[in-house]
């Protein structure tokens, strides 16, 4: 015998049926979340591919002979990416650039770079000086080691500029003693002397540290980016599943 629910006759076979009735706002919000998480996952996959490619290029470049940058015109230096080089020169003001929000052993801090002007070149080259822990007050410059003697040639390899995250600004903050703090390395935004062009390269010294600062291990980050990609894709899947489950309404 059919039962009466809110004045409507419902047969026993119809009890418990569910209908899909989402609201427009919920649908739009879920669509935005799925697209955003999927985009972040695809971006991390791209970063992982770039890390693997960089690892292969680094290994190939390490087998090449060492080149003295004093004998290379500035316009040809970008073609020496991943090659081992030696360079001597003078530190160019501002001599220290701090790249913010760099992770080392699970801690956020600064990546330090020096601006070195190679001998006989109207250009400047960023030199990786290692990782630096931030102080308790961001308005103050953390203790910096003295710059090493630029007259002694530095041996290392030329690597690309670090990739910037999504939405990272290219603000340049001038701190005391002429130290610059940036959120991403944009060589066009860094102030320098007249006629001096900053090359879009970084010199990674062979030494573990050129001034006592802890250096980041030169290992591939592909696995970490892959793990992040899986995480973002999982968030997209969870958002889609929740959307379906929560919008199934019982009659």
Protein backbone atom coordinates (compact mmCIF):
# COMPACT_ATOMS: atom_id res chain seq x y z
CA UNK A 1 0.00 0.00 0.00
CA UNK A 2 1.44 3.38 -0.93
CA UNK A 3 2.40 5.72 1.90
CA UNK A 4 1.39 9.37 2.10
CA UNK A 5 4.34 11.87 2.32
CA UNK A 6 3.38 15.57 2.45
CA UNK A 7 0.13 14.79 0.79
CA UNK A 8 1.69 12.97 -2.18
CA UNK A 9 1.20 9.29 -2.75
CA UNK A 10 4.59 7.54 -3.01
CA UNK A 11 4.82 3.85 -3.71
CA UNK A 12 7.36 1.76 -1.76
CA UNK A 13 9.47 1.30 -4.91
CA UNK A 14 9.87 5.07 -5.22
CA UNK A 15 11.06 5.70 -1.66
CA UNK A 16 14.73 6.77 -1.42
CA UNK A 17 15.17 7.89 -5.04
CA UNK A 18 17.76 10.65 -5.48
CA UNK A 19 17.83 13.49 -7.97
CA UNK A 20 20.74 15.68 -9.03
CA UNK A 21 19.79 19.30 -8.34
CA UNK A 22 22.84 21.57 -8.00
CA UNK A 23 22.61 25.31 -7.57
CA UNK A 24 24.23 27.63 -10.10
CA UNK A 25 26.54 29.24 -7.56
CA UNK A 26 27.72 25.84 -6.33
CA UNK A 27 28.35 24.66 -9.88
CA UNK A 28 30.38 27.75 -10.76
CA UNK A 29 32.43 27.55 -7.57
CA UNK A 30 33.19 23.86 -8.14
CA UNK A 31 34.11 24.47 -11.77
CA UNK A 32 36.51 27.23 -10.72
CA UNK A 33 38.11 25.03 -8.06
CA UNK A 34 38.55 22.06 -10.41
CA UNK A 35 40.07 24.24 -13.13
CA UNK A 36 42.38 25.97 -10.63
CA UNK A 37 43.61 22.73 -9.05
CA UNK A 38 44.08 21.13 -12.47
CA UNK A 39 46.06 24.13 -13.69
CA UNK A 40 48.32 24.00 -10.63
CA UNK A 41 48.83 20.27 -11.13
CA UNK A 42 49.76 20.75 -14.79
CA UNK A 43 52.16 23.54 -13.78
CA UNK A 44 53.90 21.22 -11.31
CA UNK A 45 54.17 18.53 -14.00
CA UNK A 46 55.86 21.10 -16.22
CA UNK A 47 58.23 22.04 -13.40
CA UNK A 48 59.11 18.37 -12.92
CA UNK A 49 59.88 18.00 -16.63
CA UNK A 50 62.05 21.11 -16.49
CA UNK A 51 63.92 19.72 -13.48
CA UNK A 52 64.64 16.44 -15.28
CA UNK A 53 65.81 18.31 -18.36
CA UNK A 54 68.02 20.57 -16.25
CA UNK A 55 69.53 17.55 -14.52
CA UNK A 56 70.40 15.98 -17.88
CA UNK A 57 71.86 19.25 -19.20
CA UNK A 58 73.86 19.72 -16.01
CA UNK A 59 75.39 16.26 -16.36
CA UNK A 60 76.19 16.86 -20.03
CA UNK A 61 77.69 20.30 -19.35
CA UNK A 62 79.88 18.93 -16.57
CA UNK A 63 81.71 16.83 -19.15
CA UNK A 64 82.68 19.91 -21.20
CA UNK A 65 86.05 21.70 -20.77
CA UNK A 66 86.27 24.73 -18.47
CA UNK A 67 85.97 28.11 -20.23
CA UNK A 68 87.46 31.41 -19.06
CA UNK A 69 84.69 34.01 -19.32
CA UNK A 70 87.29 36.76 -19.82
CA UNK A 71 87.74 35.39 -23.33
CA UNK A 72 84.03 35.21 -24.15
CA UNK A 73 82.05 38.23 -25.44
CA UNK A 74 79.03 39.11 -23.32
CA UNK A 75 76.64 38.33 -26.17
CA UNK A 76 77.91 34.75 -26.38
CA UNK A 77 77.75 33.98 -22.64
CA UNK A 78 74.08 32.82 -22.63
CA UNK A 79 75.09 30.07 -25.08
CA UNK A 80 77.37 28.64 -22.37
CA UNK A 81 74.45 27.57 -20.17
CA UNK A 82 75.39 24.60 -17.93
CA UNK A 83 79.05 24.83 -19.00
CA UNK A 84 81.85 24.92 -16.37
CA UNK A 85 83.56 28.32 -16.35
CA UNK A 86 86.02 30.44 -14.41
CA UNK A 87 85.50 34.17 -13.88
CA UNK A 88 87.29 36.98 -12.06
CA UNK A 89 86.24 40.59 -11.71
CA UNK A 90 84.87 43.12 -9.24
CA UNK A 91 81.67 43.21 -7.22
CA UNK A 92 79.09 45.53 -8.77
CA UNK A 93 76.90 47.70 -6.53
CA UNK A 94 74.42 46.68 -5.25
CA UNK A 95 76.59 43.69 -4.43
CA UNK A 96 73.95 41.58 -2.62
CA UNK A 97 70.49 40.52 -3.79
CA UNK A 98 68.20 38.50 -1.50
CA UNK A 99 65.61 36.29 -3.19
CA UNK A 100 62.75 35.87 -0.71
CA UNK A 101 60.72 32.75 0.21
CA UNK A 102 63.32 30.13 -0.66
CA UNK A 103 62.93 26.78 1.11
CA UNK A 104 65.92 25.00 2.67
CA UNK A 105 65.42 21.94 4.89
CA UNK A 106 61.76 22.85 5.38
CA UNK A 107 62.51 26.46 6.37
CA UNK A 108 61.73 29.62 4.40
CA UNK A 109 64.58 32.05 4.00
CA UNK A 110 66.64 33.97 1.47
CA UNK A 111 68.74 32.91 -1.46
CA UNK A 112 71.74 35.22 -1.62
CA UNK A 113 73.24 36.44 -4.86
CA UNK A 114 76.19 38.69 -5.54
CA UNK A 115 76.57 40.85 -8.64
CA UNK A 116 79.99 40.23 -10.15
CA UNK A 117 81.30 42.30 -13.03
CA UNK A 118 83.67 40.09 -15.06
CA UNK A 119 86.99 41.60 -16.05
CA UNK A 120 86.78 43.45 -19.36
CA UNK A 121 82.98 43.15 -19.67
CA UNK A 122 80.37 45.90 -19.40
CA UNK A 123 78.03 43.38 -17.82
CA UNK A 124 77.24 41.82 -14.45
CA UNK A 125 76.69 38.21 -13.49
CA UNK A 126 74.64 36.89 -10.57
CA UNK A 127 76.70 34.62 -8.30
CA UNK A 128 74.88 32.16 -6.02
CA UNK A 129 76.15 32.76 -2.48
CA UNK A 130 73.94 30.22 -0.74
CA UNK A 131 70.90 30.15 1.52
CA UNK A 132 70.42 32.54 4.45
CA UNK A 133 68.03 32.24 7.39
CA UNK A 134 65.86 35.35 7.91
CA UNK A 135 66.01 37.40 11.07
CA UNK A 136 63.08 37.97 13.44
CA UNK A 137 62.48 41.43 11.94
CA UNK A 138 61.98 41.59 8.18
CA UNK A 139 62.79 45.30 8.23
CA UNK A 140 66.36 44.47 9.22
CA UNK A 141 68.99 42.82 7.07
CA UNK A 142 70.16 39.48 8.52
CA UNK A 143 73.84 39.10 9.21
CA UNK A 144 75.70 38.81 5.91
CA UNK A 145 79.13 37.32 5.47
CA UNK A 146 81.74 39.58 3.92
CA UNK A 147 82.06 39.22 0.17
CA UNK A 148 84.99 37.04 -0.89
CA UNK A 149 87.93 38.53 -2.76
CA UNK A 150 86.69 39.01 -6.35
CA UNK A 151 90.25 39.09 -7.65
CA UNK A 152 90.54 35.33 -7.20
CA UNK A 153 88.88 33.46 -10.10
CA UNK A 154 85.68 31.65 -9.15
CA UNK A 155 85.05 28.30 -10.80
CA UNK A 156 81.53 27.03 -11.29
CA UNK A 157 78.83 26.48 -13.88
CA UNK A 158 76.34 28.80 -15.55
CA UNK A 159 72.74 27.92 -14.70
CA UNK A 160 69.36 29.55 -15.57
CA UNK A 161 67.61 32.07 -13.37
CA UNK A 162 65.32 30.40 -10.80
CA UNK A 163 61.75 30.02 -11.99
CA UNK A 164 59.19 32.34 -10.44
CA UNK A 165 56.03 31.03 -8.87
CA UNK A 166 52.54 31.83 -10.15
CA UNK A 167 51.57 35.40 -9.34
CA UNK A 168 54.93 36.32 -7.80
CA UNK A 169 55.56 40.06 -8.01
CA UNK A 170 58.79 41.59 -9.27
CA UNK A 171 58.98 44.18 -6.49
CA UNK A 172 62.46 45.41 -5.53
CA UNK A 173 62.94 46.54 -1.92
CA UNK A 174 66.03 48.55 -1.02
CA UNK A 175 67.25 47.54 2.45
CA UNK A 176 70.02 49.16 4.53
CA UNK A 177 73.57 48.98 3.18
CA UNK A 178 72.24 48.85 -0.37
CA UNK A 179 70.99 45.25 -0.11
CA UNK A 180 68.10 44.44 -2.45
CA UNK A 181 65.24 42.09 -1.57
CA UNK A 182 63.15 40.65 -4.40
CA UNK A 183 60.33 38.13 -4.75
CA UNK A 184 61.65 36.88 -8.11
CA UNK A 185 64.85 37.44 -10.04
CA UNK A 186 64.01 39.84 -12.84
CA UNK A 187 67.35 41.12 -14.17
CA UNK A 188 65.59 43.98 -15.93
CA UNK A 189 64.19 45.29 -12.63
CA UNK A 190 67.49 45.27 -10.71
CA UNK A 191 69.20 48.68 -10.58
CA UNK A 192 72.85 48.79 -11.61
CA UNK A 193 75.48 51.20 -12.89
CA UNK A 194 75.10 53.08 -16.18
CA UNK A 195 75.96 50.96 -19.18
CA UNK A 196 76.05 47.75 -17.13
CA UNK A 197 73.75 44.97 -18.31
CA UNK A 198 72.90 42.07 -16.00
CA UNK A 199 73.10 38.78 -17.87
CA UNK A 200 70.15 36.36 -17.49
CA UNK A 201 72.45 33.76 -15.94
CA UNK A 202 73.57 32.60 -12.51
CA UNK A 203 77.06 31.40 -11.68
CA UNK A 204 76.80 28.39 -9.35
CA UNK A 205 80.23 27.95 -7.72
CA UNK A 206 81.69 24.47 -7.40
CA UNK A 207 82.42 24.97 -3.70
CA UNK A 208 79.77 24.00 -1.20
CA UNK A 209 79.88 27.64 -0.08
CA UNK A 210 81.95 30.60 -1.22
CA UNK A 211 81.46 32.57 2.00
CA UNK A 212 80.32 30.12 4.67
CA UNK A 213 76.61 30.16 3.75
CA UNK A 214 74.85 26.82 3.48
CA UNK A 215 74.29 25.85 -0.14
CA UNK A 216 71.33 23.98 -1.48
CA UNK A 217 72.07 20.43 -2.57
CA UNK A 218 72.40 20.11 -6.35
CA UNK A 219 69.86 17.33 -6.74
CA UNK A 220 66.85 17.11 -8.97
CA UNK A 221 63.59 18.47 -7.64
CA UNK A 222 61.54 16.48 -10.12
CA UNK A 223 60.19 14.06 -7.49
CA UNK A 224 59.01 16.91 -5.28
CA UNK A 225 57.24 18.65 -8.16
CA UNK A 226 55.64 15.34 -9.17
CA UNK A 227 54.34 14.86 -5.63
CA UNK A 228 52.88 18.39 -5.68
CA UNK A 229 51.22 17.64 -9.03
CA UNK A 230 49.57 14.49 -7.64
CA UNK A 231 48.37 16.51 -4.66
CA UNK A 232 46.74 19.22 -6.81
CA UNK A 233 45.10 16.69 -9.12
CA UNK A 234 43.75 14.87 -6.05
CA UNK A 235 42.22 18.13 -4.81
CA UNK A 236 40.50 18.56 -8.19
CA UNK A 237 39.11 15.04 -8.01
CA UNK A 238 37.90 15.49 -4.42
CA UNK A 239 36.15 18.75 -5.34
CA UNK A 240 34.34 17.03 -8.22
CA UNK A 241 33.30 14.07 -6.06
CA UNK A 242 32.00 16.31 -3.27
CA UNK A 243 30.04 18.31 -5.81
CA UNK A 244 28.30 15.18 -7.09
CA UNK A 245 27.63 13.64 -3.68
CA UNK A 246 26.37 16.78 -1.95
CA UNK A 247 24.00 17.68 -4.78
CA UNK A 248 22.24 14.32 -4.92
CA UNK A 249 18.93 15.14 -3.22
CA UNK A 250 16.57 12.52 -1.80
CA UNK A 251 12.98 13.00 -2.94
